[in-house]
Amino acid sequence: MADRLYLLNPGWFDGQGGPWFCPAGAVIEGVLGFYPRLREELQVTYLDHPRPRPAVVAEVGEEHQGCPILVIDETVDWPAARISVETGRRFLQDEAIIPYLTARYGIGRPHP
């Protein structure tokens, strides 16, 4: 099964106003823009902001619905991955995603 990336659609409203976008998701979108082939190699799914987010809950459980989230292919060993207690699947969130994409897919690294 391919790595599965979940991102939030932009332009949502909540109790604090809006429209909003996810800053961490915008960084991942930038990486996808720099390396368009990633869209072919990853399974990318866009979700609306309100919770629950059933697609993510099915992957890693209710506790880890924050996006962006990358659910790692079961055949890949990545020591920094977190493990869902509910499903046993390994995943990365936010800034932990880019080092994985760099190592696994051979894209550039962010400059320090």
PDB file of N, CA and C in Angstrom:
ATOM      1  N   MET A   1       0.849  -1.185   0.000  1.00  0.00           N
ATOM      2  CA  MET A   1       0.000   0.000   0.000  1.00  0.00           C
ATOM      3  C   MET A   1       0.893   1.246   0.000  1.00  0.00           C
ATOM      4  N   ALA A   2       0.561   2.235  -0.760  1.00  0.00           N
ATOM      5  CA  ALA A   2       1.345   3.466  -0.875  1.00  0.00           C
ATOM      6  C   ALA A   2       1.245   4.310   0.389  1.00  0.00           C
ATOM      7  N   ASP A   3       2.223   5.200   0.551  1.00  0.00           N
ATOM      8  CA  ASP A   3       2.132   6.206   1.606  1.00  0.00           C
ATOM      9  C   ASP A   3       0.903   7.067   1.335  1.00  0.00           C
ATOM     10  N   ARG A   4       0.179   7.413   2.410  1.00  0.00           N
ATOM     11  CA  ARG A   4      -1.065   8.156   2.273  1.00  0.00           C
ATOM     12  C   ARG A   4      -0.960   9.487   3.015  1.00  0.00           C
ATOM     13  N   LEU A   5      -1.086  10.566   2.271  1.00  0.00           N
ATOM     14  CA  LEU A   5      -0.962  11.912   2.810  1.00  0.00           C
ATOM     15  C   LEU A   5      -2.339  12.559   2.892  1.00  0.00           C
ATOM     16  N   TYR A   6      -2.663  13.094   4.064  1.00  0.00           N
ATOM     17  CA  TYR A   6      -3.937  13.778   4.268  1.00  0.00           C
ATOM     18  C   TYR A   6      -3.657  15.252   4.561  1.00  0.00           C
ATOM     19  N   LEU A   7      -4.293  16.116   3.782  1.00  0.00           N
ATOM     20  CA  LEU A   7      -4.162  17.563   3.913  1.00  0.00           C
ATOM     21  C   LEU A   7      -5.545  18.190   4.045  1.00  0.00           C
ATOM     22  N   LEU A   8      -5.598  19.365   4.677  1.00  0.00           N
ATOM     23  CA  LEU A   8      -6.871  20.068   4.817  1.00  0.00           C
ATOM     24  C   LEU A   8      -7.103  20.994   3.630  1.00  0.00           C
ATOM     25  N   ASN A   9      -8.349  21.028   3.177  1.00  0.00           N
ATOM     26  CA  ASN A   9      -8.742  22.021   2.185  1.00  0.00           C
ATOM     27  C   ASN A   9      -8.626  23.398   2.824  1.00  0.00           C
ATOM     28  N   PRO A  10      -8.215  24.413   2.066  1.00  0.00           N
ATOM     29  CA  PRO A  10      -8.150  25.766   2.617  1.00  0.00           C
ATOM     30  C   PRO A  10      -9.518  26.446   2.607  1.00  0.00           C
ATOM     31  N   GLY A  11      -9.577  27.577   3.296  1.00  0.00           N
ATOM     32  CA  GLY A  11     -10.762  28.423   3.235  1.00  0.00           C
ATOM     33  C   GLY A  11     -11.852  28.077   4.219  1.00  0.00           C
ATOM     34  N   TRP A  12     -11.500  27.416   5.333  1.00  0.00           N
ATOM     35  CA  TRP A  12     -12.543  27.050   6.285  1.00  0.00           C
ATOM     36  C   TRP A  12     -12.782  28.178   7.299  1.00  0.00           C
ATOM     37  N   PHE A  13     -13.931  28.108   7.942  1.00  0.00           N
ATOM     38  CA  PHE A  13     -14.311  29.027   9.007  1.00  0.00           C
ATOM     39  C   PHE A  13     -14.511  28.208  10.273  1.00  0.00           C
ATOM     40  N   ASP A  14     -14.236  28.838  11.424  1.00  0.00           N
ATOM     41  CA  ASP A  14     -14.509  28.191  12.701  1.00  0.00           C
ATOM     42  C   ASP A  14     -14.952  29.258  13.697  1.00  0.00           C
ATOM     43  N   GLY A  15     -14.979  28.914  14.961  1.00  0.00           N
ATOM     44  CA  GLY A  15     -15.422  29.843  15.984  1.00  0.00           C
ATOM     45  C   GLY A  15     -14.544  31.078  16.129  1.00  0.00           C
ATOM     46  N   GLN A  16     -13.346  31.040  15.547  1.00  0.00           N
ATOM     47  CA  GLN A  16     -12.430  32.186  15.610  1.00  0.00           C
ATOM     48  C   GLN A  16     -12.478  33.028  14.340  1.00  0.00           C
ATOM     49  N   GLY A  17     -13.334  32.660  13.402  1.00  0.00           N
ATOM     50  CA  GLY A  17     -13.445  33.417  12.158  1.00  0.00           C
ATOM     51  C   GLY A  17     -12.955  32.625  10.966  1.00  0.00           C
ATOM     52  N   GLY A  18     -12.247  33.309  10.085  1.00  0.00           N
ATOM     53  CA  GLY A  18     -11.748  32.702   8.873  1.00  0.00           C
ATOM     54  C   GLY A  18     -11.958  33.664   7.722  1.00  0.00           C
ATOM     55  N   PRO A  19     -11.687  33.283   6.542  1.00  0.00           N
ATOM     56  CA  PRO A  19     -11.261  31.939   6.146  1.00  0.00           C
ATOM     57  C   PRO A  19      -9.813  31.662   6.556  1.00  0.00           C
ATOM     58  N   TRP A  20      -9.539  30.378   6.867  1.00  0.00           N
ATOM     59  CA  TRP A  20      -8.239  29.912   7.323  1.00  0.00           C
ATOM     60  C   TRP A  20      -7.646  28.909   6.348  1.00  0.00           C
ATOM     61  N   PHE A  21      -6.326  28.715   6.491  1.00  0.00           N
ATOM     62  CA  PHE A  21      -5.639  27.576   5.880  1.00  0.00           C
ATOM     63  C   PHE A  21      -4.675  27.029   6.922  1.00  0.00           C
ATOM     64  N   CYS A  22      -4.240  25.813   6.739  1.00  0.00           N
ATOM     65  CA  CYS A  22      -3.321  25.150   7.662  1.00  0.00           C
ATOM     66  C   CYS A  22      -1.884  25.524   7.298  1.00  0.00           C
ATOM     67  N   PRO A  23      -1.134  26.191   8.194  1.00  0.00           N
ATOM     68  CA  PRO A  23       0.239  26.576   7.877  1.00  0.00           C
ATOM     69  C   PRO A  23       1.150  25.375   7.574  1.00  0.00           C
ATOM     70  N   ALA A  24       1.063  24.318   8.384  1.00  0.00           N
ATOM     71  CA  ALA A  24       1.904  23.143   8.129  1.00  0.00           C
ATOM     72  C   ALA A  24       1.523  22.488   6.805  1.00  0.00           C
ATOM     73  N   GLY A  25       0.235  22.469   6.498  1.00  0.00           N
ATOM     74  CA  GLY A  25      -0.216  21.927   5.221  1.00  0.00           C
ATOM     75  C   GLY A  25       0.270  22.758   4.045  1.00  0.00           C
ATOM     76  N   ALA A  26       0.355  24.084   4.237  1.00  0.00           N
ATOM     77  CA  ALA A  26       0.849  24.953   3.173  1.00  0.00           C
ATOM     78  C   ALA A  26       2.310  24.638   2.856  1.00  0.00           C
ATOM     79  N   VAL A  27       3.103  24.312   3.869  1.00  0.00           N
ATOM     80  CA  VAL A  27       4.496  23.933   3.642  1.00  0.00           C
ATOM     81  C   VAL A  27       4.555  22.643   2.822  1.00  0.00           C
ATOM     82  N   ILE A  28       3.735  21.663   3.181  1.00  0.00           N
ATOM     83  CA  ILE A  28       3.705  20.405   2.421  1.00  0.00           C
ATOM     84  C   ILE A  28       3.225  20.662   0.997  1.00  0.00           C
ATOM     85  N   GLU A  29       2.237  21.525   0.823  1.00  0.00           N
ATOM     86  CA  GLU A  29       1.778  21.894  -0.526  1.00  0.00           C
ATOM     87  C   GLU A  29       2.922  22.487  -1.337  1.00  0.00           C
ATOM     88  N   GLY A  30       3.755  23.303  -0.696  1.00  0.00           N
ATOM     89  CA  GLY A  30       4.914  23.863  -1.375  1.00  0.00           C
ATOM     90  C   GLY A  30       5.872  22.782  -1.853  1.00  0.00           C
ATOM     91  N   VAL A  31       6.106  21.793  -1.010  1.00  0.00           N
ATOM     92  CA  VAL A  31       6.976  20.674  -1.398  1.00  0.00           C
ATOM     93  C   VAL A  31       6.351  19.914  -2.573  1.00  0.00           C
ATOM     94  N   LEU A  32       5.044  19.678  -2.525  1.00  0.00           N
ATOM     95  CA  LEU A  32       4.370  19.001  -3.638  1.00  0.00           C
ATOM     96  C   LEU A  32       4.471  19.829  -4.918  1.00  0.00           C
ATOM     97  N   GLY A  33       4.455  21.158  -4.780  1.00  0.00           N
ATOM     98  CA  GLY A  33       4.604  22.031  -5.934  1.00  0.00           C
ATOM     99  C   GLY A  33       6.013  21.976  -6.515  1.00  0.00           C
ATOM    100  N   PHE A  34       7.026  21.903  -5.642  1.00  0.00           N
ATOM    101  CA  PHE A  34       8.409  21.798  -6.098  1.00  0.00           C
ATOM    102  C   PHE A  34       8.684  20.447  -6.751  1.00  0.00           C
ATOM    103  N   TYR A  35       8.046  19.400  -6.252  1.00  0.00           N
ATOM    104  CA  TYR A  35       8.282  18.029  -6.719  1.00  0.00           C
ATOM    105  C   TYR A  35       6.949  17.382  -7.115  1.00  0.00           C
ATOM    106  N   PRO A  36       6.391  17.765  -8.272  1.00  0.00           N
ATOM    107  CA  PRO A  36       5.060  17.290  -8.668  1.00  0.00           C
ATOM    108  C   PRO A  36       4.956  15.772  -8.783  1.00  0.00           C
ATOM    109  N   ARG A  37       6.066  15.094  -9.009  1.00  0.00           N
ATOM    110  CA  ARG A  37       6.004  13.630  -9.116  1.00  0.00           C
ATOM    111  C   ARG A  37       5.531  12.977  -7.821  1.00  0.00           C
ATOM    112  N   LEU A  38       5.674  13.684  -6.695  1.00  0.00           N
ATOM    113  CA  LEU A  38       5.201  13.135  -5.427  1.00  0.00           C
ATOM    114  C   LEU A  38       3.697  12.889  -5.451  1.00  0.00           C
ATOM    115  N   ARG A  39       2.967  13.721  -6.186  1.00  0.00           N
ATOM    116  CA  ARG A  39       1.513  13.528  -6.278  1.00  0.00           C
ATOM    117  C   ARG A  39       1.168  12.206  -6.956  1.00  0.00           C
ATOM    118  N   GLU A  40       2.071  11.707  -7.788  1.00  0.00           N
ATOM    119  CA  GLU A  40       1.859  10.416  -8.451  1.00  0.00           C
ATOM    120  C   GLU A  40       2.315   9.260  -7.568  1.00  0.00           C
ATOM    121  N   GLU A  41       3.291   9.509  -6.708  1.00  0.00           N
ATOM    122  CA  GLU A  41       3.857   8.442  -5.889  1.00  0.00           C
ATOM    123  C   GLU A  41       3.157   8.281  -4.543  1.00  0.00           C
ATOM    124  N   LEU A  42       2.535   9.349  -4.070  1.00  0.00           N
ATOM    125  CA  LEU A  42       1.778   9.306  -2.820  1.00  0.00           C
ATOM    126  C   LEU A  42       0.292   9.240  -3.134  1.00  0.00           C
ATOM    127  N   GLN A  43      -0.466   8.748  -2.211  1.00  0.00           N
ATOM    128  CA  GLN A  43      -1.919   8.868  -2.302  1.00  0.00           C
ATOM    129  C   GLN A  43      -2.282  10.105  -1.487  1.00  0.00           C
ATOM    130  N   VAL A  44      -2.682  11.194  -2.160  1.00  0.00           N
ATOM    131  CA  VAL A  44      -2.974  12.464  -1.497  1.00  0.00           C
ATOM    132  C   VAL A  44      -4.488  12.643  -1.410  1.00  0.00           C
ATOM    133  N   THR A  45      -4.961  12.909  -0.203  1.00  0.00           N
ATOM    134  CA  THR A  45      -6.390  13.114   0.036  1.00  0.00           C
ATOM    135  C   THR A  45      -6.582  14.441   0.747  1.00  0.00           C
ATOM    136  N   TYR A  46      -7.540  15.227   0.251  1.00  0.00           N
ATOM    137  CA  TYR A  46      -7.882  16.508   0.866  1.00  0.00           C
ATOM    138  C   TYR A  46      -9.163  16.346   1.682  1.00  0.00           C
ATOM    139  N   LEU A  47      -9.128  16.911   2.882  1.00  0.00           N
ATOM    140  CA  LEU A  47     -10.250  16.792   3.810  1.00  0.00           C
ATOM    141  C   LEU A  47     -10.759  18.167   4.201  1.00  0.00           C
ATOM    142  N   ASP A  48     -12.030  18.223   4.557  1.00  0.00           N
ATOM    143  CA  ASP A  48     -12.574  19.445   5.118  1.00  0.00           C
ATOM    144  C   ASP A  48     -12.138  19.558   6.575  1.00  0.00           C
ATOM    145  N   HIS A  49     -12.156  20.769   7.092  1.00  0.00           N
ATOM    146  CA  HIS A  49     -11.632  21.042   8.427  1.00  0.00           C
ATOM    147  C   HIS A  49     -12.399  20.398   9.587  1.00  0.00           C
ATOM    148  N   PRO A  50     -13.728  20.406   9.596  1.00  0.00           N
ATOM    149  CA  PRO A  50     -14.428  19.918  10.800  1.00  0.00           C
ATOM    150  C   PRO A  50     -14.068  18.477  11.167  1.00  0.00           C
ATOM    151  N   ARG A  51     -14.028  18.250  12.462  1.00  0.00           N
ATOM    152  CA  ARG A  51     -13.826  16.895  12.974  1.00  0.00           C
ATOM    153  C   ARG A  51     -15.171  16.316  13.354  1.00  0.00           C
ATOM    154  N   PRO A  52     -15.309  15.019  13.335  1.00  0.00           N
ATOM    155  CA  PRO A  52     -14.266  14.026  13.059  1.00  0.00           C
ATOM    156  C   PRO A  52     -13.930  13.970  11.570  1.00  0.00           C
ATOM    157  N   ARG A  53     -12.749  13.462  11.316  1.00  0.00           N
ATOM    158  CA  ARG A  53     -12.263  13.275   9.947  1.00  0.00           C
ATOM    159  C   ARG A  53     -12.190  11.770   9.722  1.00  0.00           C
ATOM    160  N   PRO A  54     -13.291  11.169   9.250  1.00  0.00           N
ATOM    161  CA  PRO A  54     -13.408   9.712   9.197  1.00  0.00           C
ATOM    162  C   PRO A  54     -12.256   9.002   8.488  1.00  0.00           C
ATOM    163  N   ALA A  55     -11.738   9.562   7.417  1.00  0.00           N
ATOM    164  CA  ALA A  55     -10.652   8.888   6.690  1.00  0.00           C
ATOM    165  C   ALA A  55      -9.408   8.754   7.564  1.00  0.00           C
ATOM    166  N   VAL A  56      -9.099   9.794   8.328  1.00  0.00           N
ATOM    167  CA  VAL A  56      -7.924   9.757   9.200  1.00  0.00           C
ATOM    168  C   VAL A  56      -8.196   8.872  10.417  1.00  0.00           C
ATOM    169  N   VAL A  57      -9.391   8.956  10.967  1.00  0.00           N
ATOM    170  CA  VAL A  57      -9.756   8.109  12.106  1.00  0.00           C
ATOM    171  C   VAL A  57      -9.610   6.635  11.733  1.00  0.00           C
ATOM    172  N   ALA A  58     -10.027   6.261  10.537  1.00  0.00           N
ATOM    173  CA  ALA A  58      -9.908   4.867  10.089  1.00  0.00           C
ATOM    174  C   ALA A  58      -8.444   4.435   9.996  1.00  0.00           C
ATOM    175  N   GLU A  59      -7.567   5.357   9.677  1.00  0.00           N
ATOM    176  CA  GLU A  59      -6.139   5.040   9.529  1.00  0.00           C
ATOM    177  C   GLU A  59      -5.418   4.965  10.871  1.00  0.00           C
ATOM    178  N   VAL A  60      -5.610   5.996  11.728  1.00  0.00           N
ATOM    179  CA  VAL A  60      -4.788   6.097  12.938  1.00  0.00           C
ATOM    180  C   VAL A  60      -5.566   6.353  14.224  1.00  0.00           C
ATOM    181  N   GLY A  61      -6.890   6.381  14.152  1.00  0.00           N
ATOM    182  CA  GLY A  61      -7.693   6.563  15.346  1.00  0.00           C
ATOM    183  C   GLY A  61      -8.049   8.013  15.615  1.00  0.00           C
ATOM    184  N   GLU A  62      -9.002   8.215  16.508  1.00  0.00           N
ATOM    185  CA  GLU A  62      -9.527   9.555  16.811  1.00  0.00           C
ATOM    186  C   GLU A  62      -8.499  10.482  17.443  1.00  0.00           C
ATOM    187  N   GLU A  63      -7.560   9.928  18.152  1.00  0.00           N
ATOM    188  CA  GLU A  63      -6.584  10.729  18.882  1.00  0.00           C
ATOM    189  C   GLU A  63      -5.639  11.517  17.963  1.00  0.00           C
ATOM    190  N   HIS A  64      -5.474  11.080  16.730  1.00  0.00           N
ATOM    191  CA  HIS A  64      -4.466  11.671  15.842  1.00  0.00           C
ATOM    192  C   HIS A  64      -5.085  12.236  14.565  1.00  0.00           C
ATOM    193  N   GLN A  65      -6.095  13.091  14.688  1.00  0.00           N
ATOM    194  CA  GLN A  65      -6.790  13.627  13.508  1.00  0.00           C
ATOM    195  C   GLN A  65      -6.138  14.871  12.935  1.00  0.00           C
ATOM    196  N   GLY A  66      -5.098  15.383  13.581  1.00  0.00           N
ATOM    197  CA  GLY A  66      -4.445  16.593  13.095  1.00  0.00           C
ATOM    198  C   GLY A  66      -3.811  16.380  11.730  1.00  0.00           C
ATOM    199  N   CYS A  67      -3.931  17.377  10.885  1.00  0.00           N
ATOM    200  CA  CYS A  67      -3.356  17.328   9.545  1.00  0.00           C
ATOM    201  C   CYS A  67      -2.358  18.466   9.404  1.00  0.00           C
ATOM    202  N   PRO A  68      -1.333  18.291   8.582  1.00  0.00           N
ATOM    203  CA  PRO A  68      -1.117  17.178   7.672  1.00  0.00           C
ATOM    204  C   PRO A  68      -0.646  15.935   8.423  1.00  0.00           C
ATOM    205  N   ILE A  69      -1.013  14.806   7.853  1.00  0.00           N
ATOM    206  CA  ILE A  69      -0.596  13.522   8.398  1.00  0.00           C
ATOM    207  C   ILE A  69      -0.245  12.603   7.233  1.00  0.00           C
ATOM    208  N   LEU A  70       0.844  11.864   7.403  1.00  0.00           N
ATOM    209  CA  LEU A  70       1.283  10.901   6.401  1.00  0.00           C
ATOM    210  C   LEU A  70       1.270   9.524   7.045  1.00  0.00           C
ATOM    211  N   VAL A  71       0.441   8.634   6.525  1.00  0.00           N
ATOM    212  CA  VAL A  71       0.392   7.256   7.004  1.00  0.00           C
ATOM    213  C   VAL A  71       1.367   6.477   6.126  1.00  0.00           C
ATOM    214  N   ILE A  72       2.333   5.852   6.772  1.00  0.00           N
ATOM    215  CA  ILE A  72       3.450   5.225   6.063  1.00  0.00           C
ATOM    216  C   ILE A  72       3.088   3.834   5.568  1.00  0.00           C
ATOM    217  N   ASP A  73       3.525   3.564   4.358  1.00  0.00           N
ATOM    218  CA  ASP A  73       3.406   2.236   3.761  1.00  0.00           C
ATOM    219  C   ASP A  73       3.922   1.204   4.767  1.00  0.00           C
ATOM    220  N   GLU A  74       3.176   0.142   4.966  1.00  0.00           N
ATOM    221  CA  GLU A  74       3.513  -0.871   5.959  1.00  0.00           C
ATOM    222  C   GLU A  74       4.849  -1.564   5.702  1.00  0.00           C
ATOM    223  N   THR A  75       5.341  -1.509   4.466  1.00  0.00           N
ATOM    224  CA  THR A  75       6.587  -2.211   4.135  1.00  0.00           C
ATOM    225  C   THR A  75       7.832  -1.364   4.404  1.00  0.00           C
ATOM    226  N   VAL A  76       7.657  -0.111   4.790  1.00  0.00           N
ATOM    227  CA  VAL A  76       8.788   0.802   4.985  1.00  0.00           C
ATOM    228  C   VAL A  76       9.075   0.955   6.471  1.00  0.00           C
ATOM    229  N   ASP A  77      10.353   0.830   6.839  1.00  0.00           N
ATOM    230  CA  ASP A  77      10.755   1.029   8.221  1.00  0.00           C
ATOM    231  C   ASP A  77      11.250   2.461   8.375  1.00  0.00           C
ATOM    232  N   TRP A  78      10.641   3.217   9.257  1.00  0.00           N
ATOM    233  CA  TRP A  78      11.051   4.585   9.525  1.00  0.00           C
ATOM    234  C   TRP A  78      11.034   4.780  11.036  1.00  0.00           C
ATOM    235  N   PRO A  79      12.223   4.815  11.665  1.00  0.00           N
ATOM    236  CA  PRO A  79      12.305   4.850  13.132  1.00  0.00           C
ATOM    237  C   PRO A  79      11.591   6.030  13.791  1.00  0.00           C
ATOM    238  N   ALA A  80      11.464   7.158  13.105  1.00  0.00           N
ATOM    239  CA  ALA A  80      10.835   8.334  13.706  1.00  0.00           C
ATOM    240  C   ALA A  80       9.309   8.284  13.672  1.00  0.00           C
ATOM    241  N   ALA A  81       8.752   7.264  13.050  1.00  0.00           N
ATOM    242  CA  ALA A  81       7.293   7.174  12.930  1.00  0.00           C
ATOM    243  C   ALA A  81       6.650   6.925  14.285  1.00  0.00           C
ATOM    244  N   ARG A  82       5.479   7.518  14.454  1.00  0.00           N
ATOM    245  CA  ARG A  82       4.645   7.228  15.606  1.00  0.00           C
ATOM    246  C   ARG A  82       3.762   6.040  15.241  1.00  0.00           C
ATOM    247  N   ILE A  83       3.286   5.331  16.242  1.00  0.00           N
ATOM    248  CA  ILE A  83       2.441   4.163  15.999  1.00  0.00           C
ATOM    249  C   ILE A  83       1.092   4.387  16.672  1.00  0.00           C
ATOM    250  N   SER A  84       0.023   4.205  15.900  1.00  0.00           N
ATOM    251  CA  SER A  84      -1.318   4.330  16.442  1.00  0.00           C
ATOM    252  C   SER A  84      -1.620   3.146  17.351  1.00  0.00           C
ATOM    253  N   VAL A  85      -2.009   3.437  18.571  1.00  0.00           N
ATOM    254  CA  VAL A  85      -2.406   2.384  19.502  1.00  0.00           C
ATOM    255  C   VAL A  85      -3.666   1.692  18.990  1.00  0.00           C
ATOM    256  N   GLU A  86      -4.548   2.465  18.352  1.00  0.00           N
ATOM    257  CA  GLU A  86      -5.828   1.924  17.896  1.00  0.00           C
ATOM    258  C   GLU A  86      -5.700   1.012  16.679  1.00  0.00           C
ATOM    259  N   THR A  87      -4.835   1.376  15.719  1.00  0.00           N
ATOM    260  CA  THR A  87      -4.783   0.614  14.468  1.00  0.00           C
ATOM    261  C   THR A  87      -3.444  -0.064  14.208  1.00  0.00           C
ATOM    262  N   GLY A  88      -2.398   0.336  14.929  1.00  0.00           N
ATOM    263  CA  GLY A  88      -1.070  -0.225  14.713  1.00  0.00           C
ATOM    264  C   GLY A  88      -0.341   0.377  13.513  1.00  0.00           C
ATOM    265  N   ARG A  89      -0.978   1.314  12.828  1.00  0.00           N
ATOM    266  CA  ARG A  89      -0.332   1.930  11.656  1.00  0.00           C
ATOM    267  C   ARG A  89       0.668   2.985  12.101  1.00  0.00           C
ATOM    268  N   ARG A  90       1.707   3.126  11.275  1.00  0.00           N
ATOM    269  CA  ARG A  90       2.752   4.110  11.548  1.00  0.00           C
ATOM    270  C   ARG A  90       2.459   5.386  10.766  1.00  0.00           C
ATOM    271  N   PHE A  91       2.749   6.529  11.394  1.00  0.00           N
ATOM    272  CA  PHE A  91       2.405   7.800  10.761  1.00  0.00           C
ATOM    273  C   PHE A  91       3.352   8.902  11.216  1.00  0.00           C
ATOM    274  N   LEU A  92       3.342   9.977  10.447  1.00  0.00           N
ATOM    275  CA  LEU A  92       4.091  11.192  10.747  1.00  0.00           C
ATOM    276  C   LEU A  92       3.150  12.373  10.616  1.00  0.00           C
ATOM    277  N   GLN A  93       3.403  13.405  11.407  1.00  0.00           N
ATOM    278  CA  GLN A  93       2.587  14.614  11.314  1.00  0.00           C
ATOM    279  C   GLN A  93       3.483  15.836  11.209  1.00  0.00           C
ATOM    280  N   ASP A  94       2.938  16.864  10.553  1.00  0.00           N
ATOM    281  CA  ASP A  94       3.540  18.188  10.475  1.00  0.00           C
ATOM    282  C   ASP A  94       4.991  18.138   9.989  1.00  0.00           C
ATOM    283  N   GLU A  95       5.920  18.742  10.762  1.00  0.00           N
ATOM    284  CA  GLU A  95       7.306  18.882  10.304  1.00  0.00           C
ATOM    285  C   GLU A  95       8.051  17.559  10.176  1.00  0.00           C
ATOM    286  N   ALA A  96       7.560  16.482  10.741  1.00  0.00           N
ATOM    287  CA  ALA A  96       8.220  15.181  10.627  1.00  0.00           C
ATOM    288  C   ALA A  96       8.034  14.551   9.244  1.00  0.00           C
ATOM    289  N   ILE A  97       7.131  15.080   8.439  1.00  0.00           N
ATOM    290  CA  ILE A  97       6.836  14.495   7.124  1.00  0.00           C
ATOM    291  C   ILE A  97       7.958  14.748   6.120  1.00  0.00           C
ATOM    292  N   ILE A  98       8.500  15.955   6.086  1.00  0.00           N
ATOM    293  CA  ILE A  98       9.461  16.310   5.040  1.00  0.00           C
ATOM    294  C   ILE A  98      10.746  15.484   5.102  1.00  0.00           C
ATOM    295  N   PRO A  99      11.357  15.234   6.265  1.00  0.00           N
ATOM    296  CA  PRO A  99      12.553  14.380   6.260  1.00  0.00           C
ATOM    297  C   PRO A  99      12.283  12.986   5.681  1.00  0.00           C
ATOM    298  N   TYR A 100      11.109  12.467   5.950  1.00  0.00           N
ATOM    299  CA  TYR A 100      10.738  11.166   5.390  1.00  0.00           C
ATOM    300  C   TYR A 100      10.636  11.241   3.870  1.00  0.00           C
ATOM    301  N   LEU A 101       9.940  12.264   3.357  1.00  0.00           N
ATOM    302  CA  LEU A 101       9.809  12.406   1.903  1.00  0.00           C
ATOM    303  C   LEU A 101      11.180  12.557   1.248  1.00  0.00           C
ATOM    304  N   THR A 102      12.069  13.294   1.899  1.00  0.00           N
ATOM    305  CA  THR A 102      13.421  13.488   1.386  1.00  0.00           C
ATOM    306  C   THR A 102      14.150  12.150   1.274  1.00  0.00           C
ATOM    307  N   ALA A 103      14.115  11.370   2.333  1.00  0.00           N
ATOM    308  CA  ALA A 103      14.830  10.086   2.344  1.00  0.00           C
ATOM    309  C   ALA A 103      14.196   9.061   1.419  1.00  0.00           C
ATOM    310  N   ARG A 104      12.894   8.959   1.458  1.00  0.00           N
ATOM    311  CA  ARG A 104      12.229   7.900   0.694  1.00  0.00           C
ATOM    312  C   ARG A 104      12.114   8.218  -0.793  1.00  0.00           C
ATOM    313  N   TYR A 105      11.851   9.464  -1.123  1.00  0.00           N
ATOM    314  CA  TYR A 105      11.567   9.815  -2.517  1.00  0.00           C
ATOM    315  C   TYR A 105      12.683  10.620  -3.190  1.00  0.00           C
ATOM    316  N   GLY A 106      13.770  10.861  -2.463  1.00  0.00           N
ATOM    317  CA  GLY A 106      14.927  11.494  -3.070  1.00  0.00           C
ATOM    318  C   GLY A 106      14.740  12.944  -3.475  1.00  0.00           C
ATOM    319  N   ILE A 107      13.880  13.661  -2.772  1.00  0.00           N
ATOM    320  CA  ILE A 107      13.691  15.086  -3.076  1.00  0.00           C
ATOM    321  C   ILE A 107      14.714  15.896  -2.274  1.00  0.00           C
ATOM    322  N   GLY A 108      14.816  17.184  -2.582  1.00  0.00           N
ATOM    323  CA  GLY A 108      15.728  18.059  -1.865  1.00  0.00           C
ATOM    324  C   GLY A 108      15.356  18.213  -0.398  1.00  0.00           C
ATOM    325  N   ARG A 109      16.324  18.633   0.379  1.00  0.00           N
ATOM    326  CA  ARG A 109      16.120  18.883   1.802  1.00  0.00           C
ATOM    327  C   ARG A 109      15.938  20.368   2.051  1.00  0.00           C
ATOM    328  N   PRO A 110      15.233  20.742   3.092  1.00  0.00           N
ATOM    329  CA  PRO A 110      15.142  22.161   3.429  1.00  0.00           C
ATOM    330  C   PRO A 110      16.510  22.664   3.902  1.00  0.00           C
ATOM    331  N   HIS A 111      16.870  23.850   3.482  1.00  0.00           N
ATOM    332  CA  HIS A 111      18.132  24.443   3.915  1.00  0.00           C
ATOM    333  C   HIS A 111      18.046  24.798   5.393  1.00  0.00           C
ATOM    334  N   PRO A 112      19.109  24.479   6.145  1.00  0.00           N
ATOM    335  CA  PRO A 112      19.074  24.797   7.604  1.00  0.00           C
ATOM    336  C   PRO A 112      19.066  26.274   7.894  1.00  0.00           C
TER     337      PRO A 112
END
